[in-house]
Amino acid sequence: MTNKNMVPEAEVLDTDECWQLLGNTSVGRLAVVVDGVPDVFPVSFAPDGGGLLFRTASGTKLQAIEANPRVALEADSVSAEFGLAWSVVVKGKAVLENGEGQALNQTRRGLFPWQGVGQDHLVRIVPDTVTGRKFTVTASGTWRTPLDEATRAGFE
């Protein structure tokens, strides 16, 4: 038998709650299709005018977006201290921005790409859907595993 108290129930978030959570974080995972296969990349993003902005360089992500602009971005957070976890997924179309205008220039300056240089392309995700879930995490120990107790692979 399964103990229902150990399985957290998901609370479905409304769109406003999703945008609020997205405004409190800046790192997500961008899903694109590369050569017919899904791929995921970490990106720094910022909400902007009902969409999300991120910077990227010429390369795999940009080529994938140009070939198929349908994307998804997922951001989440887990707080063992407060016993909460959430996840928000934005699905939509990626559009290259020209980066002109004061608001976009301010947003561009606030986005710090992971690689630091050469991230000259500004991309906006125009959402079709924004969905989210929030969980109460009662077994907080399951979210923290000391490194010496973690399952390791590769060197063993």
N, C-alpha and C. Protein backbone atom coordinates (compact mmCIF):
# COMPACT_ATOMS: atom_id res chain seq x y z
N MET A 1 0.83 -1.18 0.00
CA MET A 1 0.00 0.00 0.00
C MET A 1 0.88 1.24 0.00
N THR A 2 0.36 2.28 -0.60
CA THR A 2 1.06 3.55 -0.65
C THR A 2 0.51 4.48 0.42
N ASN A 3 1.40 5.13 1.14
CA ASN A 3 1.00 6.10 2.14
C ASN A 3 0.73 7.42 1.44
N LYS A 4 -0.54 7.84 1.37
CA LYS A 4 -0.90 9.07 0.66
C LYS A 4 -0.24 10.30 1.26
N ASN A 5 0.10 10.26 2.54
CA ASN A 5 0.74 11.40 3.17
C ASN A 5 2.14 11.65 2.64
N MET A 6 2.76 10.65 2.04
CA MET A 6 4.11 10.80 1.51
C MET A 6 4.12 11.33 0.09
N VAL A 7 2.97 11.33 -0.59
CA VAL A 7 2.89 11.79 -1.97
C VAL A 7 2.32 13.20 -1.98
N PRO A 8 3.14 14.20 -2.36
CA PRO A 8 2.62 15.57 -2.36
C PRO A 8 1.59 15.77 -3.47
N GLU A 9 0.52 16.47 -3.14
CA GLU A 9 -0.49 16.78 -4.15
C GLU A 9 -0.13 18.10 -4.82
N ALA A 10 -0.32 18.13 -6.12
CA ALA A 10 0.01 19.33 -6.88
C ALA A 10 -1.14 20.32 -6.82
N GLU A 11 -0.78 21.58 -6.61
CA GLU A 11 -1.74 22.67 -6.71
C GLU A 11 -1.54 23.31 -8.08
N VAL A 12 -2.59 23.38 -8.87
CA VAL A 12 -2.50 24.00 -10.19
C VAL A 12 -2.49 25.51 -9.99
N LEU A 13 -1.49 26.16 -10.58
CA LEU A 13 -1.34 27.61 -10.44
C LEU A 13 -2.05 28.33 -11.58
N ASP A 14 -2.61 29.49 -11.28
CA ASP A 14 -3.19 30.28 -12.36
C ASP A 14 -2.08 31.06 -13.06
N THR A 15 -2.40 31.66 -14.18
CA THR A 15 -1.40 32.33 -15.00
C THR A 15 -0.68 33.44 -14.25
N ASP A 16 -1.42 34.23 -13.46
CA ASP A 16 -0.78 35.32 -12.70
C ASP A 16 0.24 34.78 -11.71
N GLU A 17 -0.10 33.68 -11.03
CA GLU A 17 0.84 33.08 -10.09
C GLU A 17 2.09 32.57 -10.82
N CYS A 18 1.89 32.00 -12.01
CA CYS A 18 3.02 31.52 -12.80
C CYS A 18 3.97 32.67 -13.15
N TRP A 19 3.41 33.79 -13.62
CA TRP A 19 4.24 34.94 -13.98
C TRP A 19 4.96 35.51 -12.76
N GLN A 20 4.30 35.50 -11.62
CA GLN A 20 4.94 35.99 -10.39
C GLN A 20 6.16 35.12 -10.06
N LEU A 21 6.00 33.81 -10.14
CA LEU A 21 7.13 32.92 -9.86
C LEU A 21 8.24 33.09 -10.89
N LEU A 22 7.88 33.24 -12.16
CA LEU A 22 8.90 33.46 -13.19
C LEU A 22 9.67 34.75 -12.95
N GLY A 23 9.01 35.74 -12.37
CA GLY A 23 9.67 37.00 -12.05
C GLY A 23 10.63 36.90 -10.88
N ASN A 24 10.52 35.81 -10.10
CA ASN A 24 11.39 35.63 -8.94
C ASN A 24 12.58 34.72 -9.20
N THR A 25 12.75 34.30 -10.44
CA THR A 25 13.89 33.47 -10.79
C THR A 25 14.43 33.95 -12.12
N SER A 26 15.60 33.49 -12.49
CA SER A 26 16.18 33.96 -13.75
C SER A 26 16.82 32.85 -14.56
N VAL A 27 16.72 31.61 -14.10
CA VAL A 27 17.33 30.50 -14.81
C VAL A 27 16.27 29.46 -15.12
N GLY A 28 16.27 29.00 -16.35
CA GLY A 28 15.34 27.97 -16.76
C GLY A 28 16.00 27.05 -17.77
N ARG A 29 15.22 26.09 -18.24
CA ARG A 29 15.69 25.15 -19.24
C ARG A 29 14.86 25.32 -20.50
N LEU A 30 15.54 25.63 -21.59
CA LEU A 30 14.88 25.85 -22.88
C LEU A 30 14.89 24.55 -23.66
N ALA A 31 13.70 24.11 -24.08
CA ALA A 31 13.58 22.90 -24.89
C ALA A 31 13.35 23.31 -26.34
N VAL A 32 14.18 22.76 -27.23
CA VAL A 32 14.08 22.99 -28.67
C VAL A 32 14.23 21.64 -29.37
N VAL A 33 14.00 21.64 -30.67
CA VAL A 33 14.20 20.42 -31.46
C VAL A 33 15.45 20.63 -32.31
N VAL A 34 16.43 19.74 -32.13
CA VAL A 34 17.69 19.81 -32.86
C VAL A 34 17.80 18.56 -33.73
N ASP A 35 17.81 18.75 -35.03
CA ASP A 35 17.89 17.62 -35.97
C ASP A 35 16.82 16.56 -35.69
N GLY A 36 15.61 17.02 -35.39
CA GLY A 36 14.49 16.12 -35.17
C GLY A 36 14.42 15.49 -33.79
N VAL A 37 15.34 15.87 -32.90
CA VAL A 37 15.40 15.28 -31.56
C VAL A 37 15.30 16.39 -30.52
N PRO A 38 14.49 16.20 -29.47
CA PRO A 38 14.40 17.22 -28.42
C PRO A 38 15.75 17.41 -27.72
N ASP A 39 16.05 18.65 -27.36
CA ASP A 39 17.26 18.97 -26.62
C ASP A 39 16.92 20.07 -25.63
N VAL A 40 17.68 20.17 -24.56
CA VAL A 40 17.41 21.13 -23.50
C VAL A 40 18.68 21.89 -23.17
N PHE A 41 18.55 23.22 -22.99
CA PHE A 41 19.68 24.09 -22.68
C PHE A 41 19.34 25.00 -21.51
N PRO A 42 20.26 25.19 -20.58
CA PRO A 42 20.01 26.18 -19.53
C PRO A 42 20.13 27.59 -20.11
N VAL A 43 19.24 28.48 -19.71
CA VAL A 43 19.30 29.87 -20.15
C VAL A 43 18.95 30.79 -18.99
N SER A 44 19.53 31.97 -19.02
CA SER A 44 19.12 33.05 -18.13
C SER A 44 18.04 33.81 -18.87
N PHE A 45 16.92 34.10 -18.19
CA PHE A 45 15.80 34.75 -18.86
C PHE A 45 15.23 35.85 -17.98
N ALA A 46 14.40 36.66 -18.59
CA ALA A 46 13.68 37.70 -17.85
C ALA A 46 12.29 37.85 -18.45
N PRO A 47 11.25 37.90 -17.59
CA PRO A 47 9.91 38.21 -18.11
C PRO A 47 9.90 39.63 -18.67
N ASP A 48 9.17 39.82 -19.77
CA ASP A 48 9.13 41.13 -20.39
C ASP A 48 7.86 41.25 -21.23
N GLY A 49 6.95 42.08 -20.80
CA GLY A 49 5.76 42.37 -21.58
C GLY A 49 4.94 41.16 -21.97
N GLY A 50 4.71 40.24 -21.07
CA GLY A 50 3.90 39.07 -21.38
C GLY A 50 4.66 37.98 -22.10
N GLY A 51 5.97 38.10 -22.19
CA GLY A 51 6.80 37.07 -22.79
C GLY A 51 8.06 36.89 -21.98
N LEU A 52 8.97 36.09 -22.47
CA LEU A 52 10.26 35.87 -21.81
C LEU A 52 11.37 36.22 -22.79
N LEU A 53 12.41 36.87 -22.30
CA LEU A 53 13.57 37.21 -23.12
C LEU A 53 14.79 36.44 -22.63
N PHE A 54 15.62 36.01 -23.56
CA PHE A 54 16.93 35.45 -23.22
C PHE A 54 17.90 35.78 -24.33
N ARG A 55 19.18 35.71 -24.01
CA ARG A 55 20.24 35.97 -24.98
C ARG A 55 20.90 34.66 -25.37
N THR A 56 21.36 34.61 -26.61
CA THR A 56 22.09 33.42 -27.07
C THR A 56 23.09 33.83 -28.15
N ALA A 57 24.03 32.97 -28.38
CA ALA A 57 25.02 33.16 -29.44
C ALA A 57 24.57 32.40 -30.68
N SER A 58 25.27 32.63 -31.76
CA SER A 58 25.06 31.80 -32.95
C SER A 58 25.50 30.39 -32.57
N GLY A 59 24.73 29.42 -32.91
CA GLY A 59 25.08 28.04 -32.55
C GLY A 59 23.85 27.17 -32.55
N THR A 60 23.91 26.09 -31.82
CA THR A 60 22.87 25.07 -31.84
C THR A 60 21.50 25.60 -31.49
N LYS A 61 21.38 26.36 -30.37
CA LYS A 61 20.07 26.87 -29.95
C LYS A 61 19.47 27.76 -31.03
N LEU A 62 20.27 28.70 -31.52
CA LEU A 62 19.76 29.64 -32.52
C LEU A 62 19.39 28.92 -33.81
N GLN A 63 20.20 27.98 -34.24
CA GLN A 63 19.88 27.22 -35.46
C GLN A 63 18.59 26.42 -35.27
N ALA A 64 18.41 25.84 -34.09
CA ALA A 64 17.19 25.08 -33.82
C ALA A 64 15.97 25.99 -33.85
N ILE A 65 16.09 27.17 -33.26
CA ILE A 65 14.98 28.13 -33.23
C ILE A 65 14.64 28.60 -34.64
N GLU A 66 15.66 28.84 -35.44
CA GLU A 66 15.41 29.28 -36.83
C GLU A 66 14.75 28.17 -37.64
N ALA A 67 15.09 26.91 -37.36
CA ALA A 67 14.51 25.78 -38.09
C ALA A 67 13.09 25.48 -37.61
N ASN A 68 12.84 25.65 -36.31
CA ASN A 68 11.53 25.38 -35.74
C ASN A 68 11.36 26.27 -34.51
N PRO A 69 10.60 27.35 -34.64
CA PRO A 69 10.50 28.31 -33.54
C PRO A 69 9.64 27.86 -32.36
N ARG A 70 9.00 26.69 -32.44
CA ARG A 70 8.19 26.19 -31.32
C ARG A 70 9.12 25.73 -30.21
N VAL A 71 8.99 26.33 -29.02
CA VAL A 71 9.88 26.03 -27.90
C VAL A 71 9.07 25.88 -26.61
N ALA A 72 9.74 25.39 -25.59
CA ALA A 72 9.19 25.37 -24.23
C ALA A 72 10.31 25.79 -23.29
N LEU A 73 9.94 26.49 -22.24
CA LEU A 73 10.90 26.85 -21.20
C LEU A 73 10.30 26.45 -19.87
N GLU A 74 11.10 25.75 -19.06
CA GLU A 74 10.66 25.32 -17.74
C GLU A 74 11.57 25.95 -16.70
N ALA A 75 10.96 26.51 -15.66
CA ALA A 75 11.70 27.03 -14.51
C ALA A 75 11.07 26.42 -13.27
N ASP A 76 11.89 26.20 -12.25
CA ASP A 76 11.35 25.60 -11.03
C ASP A 76 12.20 26.00 -9.84
N SER A 77 11.72 25.62 -8.68
CA SER A 77 12.45 25.87 -7.45
C SER A 77 11.98 24.87 -6.41
N VAL A 78 12.91 24.48 -5.54
CA VAL A 78 12.59 23.60 -4.42
C VAL A 78 13.17 24.25 -3.17
N SER A 79 12.35 24.42 -2.17
CA SER A 79 12.80 24.94 -0.89
C SER A 79 12.52 23.89 0.19
N ALA A 80 13.56 23.14 0.55
CA ALA A 80 13.40 22.16 1.63
C ALA A 80 13.12 22.88 2.94
N GLU A 81 13.69 24.06 3.09
CA GLU A 81 13.49 24.84 4.32
C GLU A 81 12.03 25.20 4.54
N PHE A 82 11.34 25.62 3.46
CA PHE A 82 9.94 26.02 3.57
C PHE A 82 8.97 24.92 3.15
N GLY A 83 9.48 23.80 2.68
CA GLY A 83 8.63 22.68 2.31
C GLY A 83 7.79 22.92 1.08
N LEU A 84 8.33 23.69 0.12
CA LEU A 84 7.60 24.01 -1.11
C LEU A 84 8.45 23.71 -2.34
N ALA A 85 7.78 23.32 -3.39
CA ALA A 85 8.42 23.16 -4.70
C ALA A 85 7.43 23.64 -5.75
N TRP A 86 7.94 24.23 -6.83
CA TRP A 86 7.06 24.66 -7.91
C TRP A 86 7.75 24.48 -9.25
N SER A 87 6.93 24.42 -10.28
CA SER A 87 7.41 24.31 -11.65
C SER A 87 6.46 25.07 -12.56
N VAL A 88 7.03 25.88 -13.46
CA VAL A 88 6.24 26.62 -14.44
C VAL A 88 6.79 26.29 -15.83
N VAL A 89 5.89 26.02 -16.77
CA VAL A 89 6.27 25.73 -18.15
C VAL A 89 5.60 26.74 -19.07
N VAL A 90 6.42 27.39 -19.89
CA VAL A 90 5.94 28.33 -20.91
C VAL A 90 6.17 27.67 -22.26
N LYS A 91 5.10 27.51 -23.05
CA LYS A 91 5.21 26.96 -24.40
C LYS A 91 4.80 28.05 -25.37
N GLY A 92 5.56 28.19 -26.45
CA GLY A 92 5.22 29.21 -27.42
C GLY A 92 6.18 29.25 -28.58
N LYS A 93 6.28 30.45 -29.15
CA LYS A 93 7.09 30.66 -30.34
C LYS A 93 8.27 31.57 -29.99
N ALA A 94 9.46 31.18 -30.40
CA ALA A 94 10.66 31.99 -30.20
C ALA A 94 10.81 32.94 -31.39
N VAL A 95 10.98 34.22 -31.08
CA VAL A 95 11.11 35.26 -32.10
C VAL A 95 12.38 36.05 -31.82
N LEU A 96 13.20 36.24 -32.85
CA LEU A 96 14.40 37.07 -32.69
C LEU A 96 13.98 38.52 -32.58
N GLU A 97 14.50 39.20 -31.56
CA GLU A 97 14.23 40.63 -31.35
C GLU A 97 15.38 41.42 -31.96
N ASN A 98 15.06 42.63 -32.43
CA ASN A 98 16.13 43.45 -32.98
C ASN A 98 16.91 44.16 -31.87
N GLY A 99 16.39 44.14 -30.63
CA GLY A 99 17.12 44.71 -29.51
C GLY A 99 17.07 46.21 -29.43
N GLU A 100 16.22 46.83 -30.22
CA GLU A 100 16.13 48.29 -30.20
C GLU A 100 15.09 48.74 -29.19
N GLY A 101 15.25 49.94 -28.73
CA GLY A 101 14.32 50.51 -27.77
C GLY A 101 14.90 50.46 -26.37
N GLN A 102 14.56 51.44 -25.57
CA GLN A 102 15.13 51.58 -24.23
C GLN A 102 14.78 50.39 -23.33
N ALA A 103 13.53 49.95 -23.38
CA ALA A 103 13.13 48.84 -22.50
C ALA A 103 13.89 47.57 -22.83
N LEU A 104 14.03 47.26 -24.13
CA LEU A 104 14.76 46.05 -24.51
C LEU A 104 16.24 46.18 -24.18
N ASN A 105 16.81 47.36 -24.35
CA ASN A 105 18.21 47.54 -24.01
C ASN A 105 18.46 47.34 -22.52
N GLN A 106 17.52 47.82 -21.67
CA GLN A 106 17.66 47.61 -20.23
C GLN A 106 17.55 46.12 -19.89
N THR A 107 16.61 45.45 -20.52
CA THR A 107 16.45 44.02 -20.28
C THR A 107 17.68 43.26 -20.74
N ARG A 108 18.20 43.62 -21.91
CA ARG A 108 19.39 42.95 -22.45
C ARG A 108 20.56 43.08 -21.47
N ARG A 109 20.74 44.28 -20.90
CA ARG A 109 21.84 44.49 -19.95
C ARG A 109 21.64 43.66 -18.68
N GLY A 110 20.40 43.39 -18.29
CA GLY A 110 20.12 42.63 -17.09
C GLY A 110 20.24 41.13 -17.25
N LEU A 111 20.36 40.65 -18.47
CA LEU A 111 20.47 39.21 -18.72
C LEU A 111 21.94 38.82 -18.78
N PHE A 112 22.34 37.96 -17.89
CA PHE A 112 23.73 37.54 -17.83
C PHE A 112 23.84 36.11 -18.33
N PRO A 113 24.28 35.93 -19.59
CA PRO A 113 24.37 34.59 -20.16
C PRO A 113 25.41 33.76 -19.44
N TRP A 114 25.23 32.46 -19.48
CA TRP A 114 26.11 31.54 -18.78
C TRP A 114 27.54 31.60 -19.29
N GLN A 115 27.72 31.77 -20.59
CA GLN A 115 29.06 31.79 -21.14
C GLN A 115 29.68 33.18 -21.12
N GLY A 116 28.89 34.22 -20.88
CA GLY A 116 29.42 35.54 -20.65
C GLY A 116 29.71 36.40 -21.86
N VAL A 117 30.15 35.83 -22.96
CA VAL A 117 30.49 36.64 -24.13
C VAL A 117 29.83 36.06 -25.37
N GLY A 118 29.66 36.90 -26.39
CA GLY A 118 29.17 36.43 -27.67
C GLY A 118 27.69 36.12 -27.71
N GLN A 119 26.96 36.50 -26.70
CA GLN A 119 25.52 36.23 -26.65
C GLN A 119 24.78 37.41 -27.26
N ASP A 120 24.96 37.61 -28.55
CA ASP A 120 24.49 38.83 -29.21
C ASP A 120 23.05 38.78 -29.69
N HIS A 121 22.43 37.63 -29.67
CA HIS A 121 21.06 37.50 -30.18
C HIS A 121 20.07 37.53 -29.02
N LEU A 122 19.09 38.40 -29.15
CA LEU A 122 18.05 38.52 -28.14
C LEU A 122 16.81 37.79 -28.67
N VAL A 123 16.30 36.85 -27.89
CA VAL A 123 15.17 36.02 -28.31
C VAL A 123 14.02 36.22 -27.34
N ARG A 124 12.83 36.41 -27.89
CA ARG A 124 11.62 36.52 -27.08
C ARG A 124 10.78 35.26 -27.29
N ILE A 125 10.31 34.68 -26.19
CA ILE A 125 9.34 33.60 -26.27
C ILE A 125 7.97 34.23 -26.13
N VAL A 126 7.17 34.15 -27.20
CA VAL A 126 5.79 34.63 -27.19
C VAL A 126 4.93 33.44 -26.78
N PRO A 127 4.36 33.49 -25.56
CA PRO A 127 3.69 32.30 -25.03
C PRO A 127 2.35 32.00 -25.69
N ASP A 128 2.12 30.71 -25.89
CA ASP A 128 0.79 30.19 -26.21
C ASP A 128 0.13 29.74 -24.92
N THR A 129 0.91 29.06 -24.07
CA THR A 129 0.39 28.58 -22.78
C THR A 129 1.43 28.83 -21.70
N VAL A 130 0.93 29.10 -20.50
CA VAL A 130 1.76 29.23 -19.31
C VAL A 130 1.06 28.41 -18.23
N THR A 131 1.70 27.34 -17.79
CA THR A 131 1.09 26.46 -16.79
C THR A 131 2.06 26.24 -15.65
N GLY A 132 1.52 25.94 -14.49
CA GLY A 132 2.38 25.71 -13.34
C GLY A 132 1.74 24.85 -12.29
N ARG A 133 2.61 24.28 -11.46
CA ARG A 133 2.19 23.45 -10.35
C ARG A 133 3.04 23.83 -9.13
N LYS A 134 2.41 23.72 -7.96
CA LYS A 134 3.12 23.93 -6.70
C LYS A 134 2.86 22.73 -5.81
N PHE A 135 3.87 22.29 -5.10
CA PHE A 135 3.78 21.12 -4.24
C PHE A 135 4.21 21.48 -2.83
N THR A 136 3.56 20.86 -1.87
CA THR A 136 4.04 20.92 -0.50
C THR A 136 4.93 19.72 -0.31
N VAL A 137 6.14 19.95 0.11
CA VAL A 137 7.11 18.89 0.29
C VAL A 137 7.23 18.60 1.77
N THR A 138 6.73 17.44 2.19
CA THR A 138 6.74 17.11 3.61
C THR A 138 7.98 16.34 4.02
N ALA A 139 8.56 15.60 3.11
CA ALA A 139 9.77 14.83 3.41
C ALA A 139 10.98 15.62 2.92
N SER A 140 11.33 16.69 3.63
CA SER A 140 12.36 17.60 3.15
C SER A 140 13.72 16.93 2.98
N GLY A 141 13.98 15.85 3.71
CA GLY A 141 15.26 15.17 3.58
C GLY A 141 15.48 14.58 2.21
N THR A 142 14.41 14.31 1.48
CA THR A 142 14.58 13.73 0.15
C THR A 142 15.11 14.74 -0.85
N TRP A 143 15.06 16.03 -0.53
CA TRP A 143 15.53 17.06 -1.46
C TRP A 143 16.97 17.44 -1.21
N ARG A 144 17.54 16.94 -0.10
CA ARG A 144 18.94 17.24 0.19
C ARG A 144 19.68 15.92 0.39
N THR A 145 20.63 15.67 -0.48
CA THR A 145 21.44 14.48 -0.35
C THR A 145 22.89 14.92 -0.25
N PRO A 146 23.56 14.64 0.88
CA PRO A 146 24.96 15.00 1.00
C PRO A 146 25.76 14.35 -0.13
N LEU A 147 26.76 15.06 -0.60
CA LEU A 147 27.54 14.58 -1.73
C LEU A 147 28.15 13.22 -1.45
N ASP A 148 28.59 12.98 -0.23
CA ASP A 148 29.21 11.70 0.06
C ASP A 148 28.22 10.54 0.08
N GLU A 149 26.90 10.85 0.11
CA GLU A 149 25.88 9.81 0.06
C GLU A 149 25.20 9.72 -1.31
N ALA A 150 25.54 10.63 -2.21
CA ALA A 150 24.88 10.68 -3.52
C ALA A 150 25.33 9.49 -4.37
N THR A 151 24.44 9.07 -5.24
CA THR A 151 24.78 8.03 -6.20
C THR A 151 25.73 8.64 -7.22
N ARG A 152 26.85 7.99 -7.44
CA ARG A 152 27.84 8.51 -8.37
C ARG A 152 27.99 7.54 -9.53
N ALA A 153 28.35 8.08 -10.67
CA ALA A 153 28.58 7.24 -11.84
C ALA A 153 29.82 7.73 -12.55
N GLY A 154 30.37 6.91 -13.38
CA GLY A 154 31.50 7.32 -14.21
C GLY A 154 32.84 6.94 -13.63
N PHE A 155 33.13 7.31 -12.39
CA PHE A 155 34.42 7.03 -11.80
C PHE A 155 34.43 5.75 -10.97
N GLU A 156 33.27 5.18 -10.73
CA GLU A 156 33.21 3.99 -9.89
C GLU A 156 33.07 2.74 -10.72
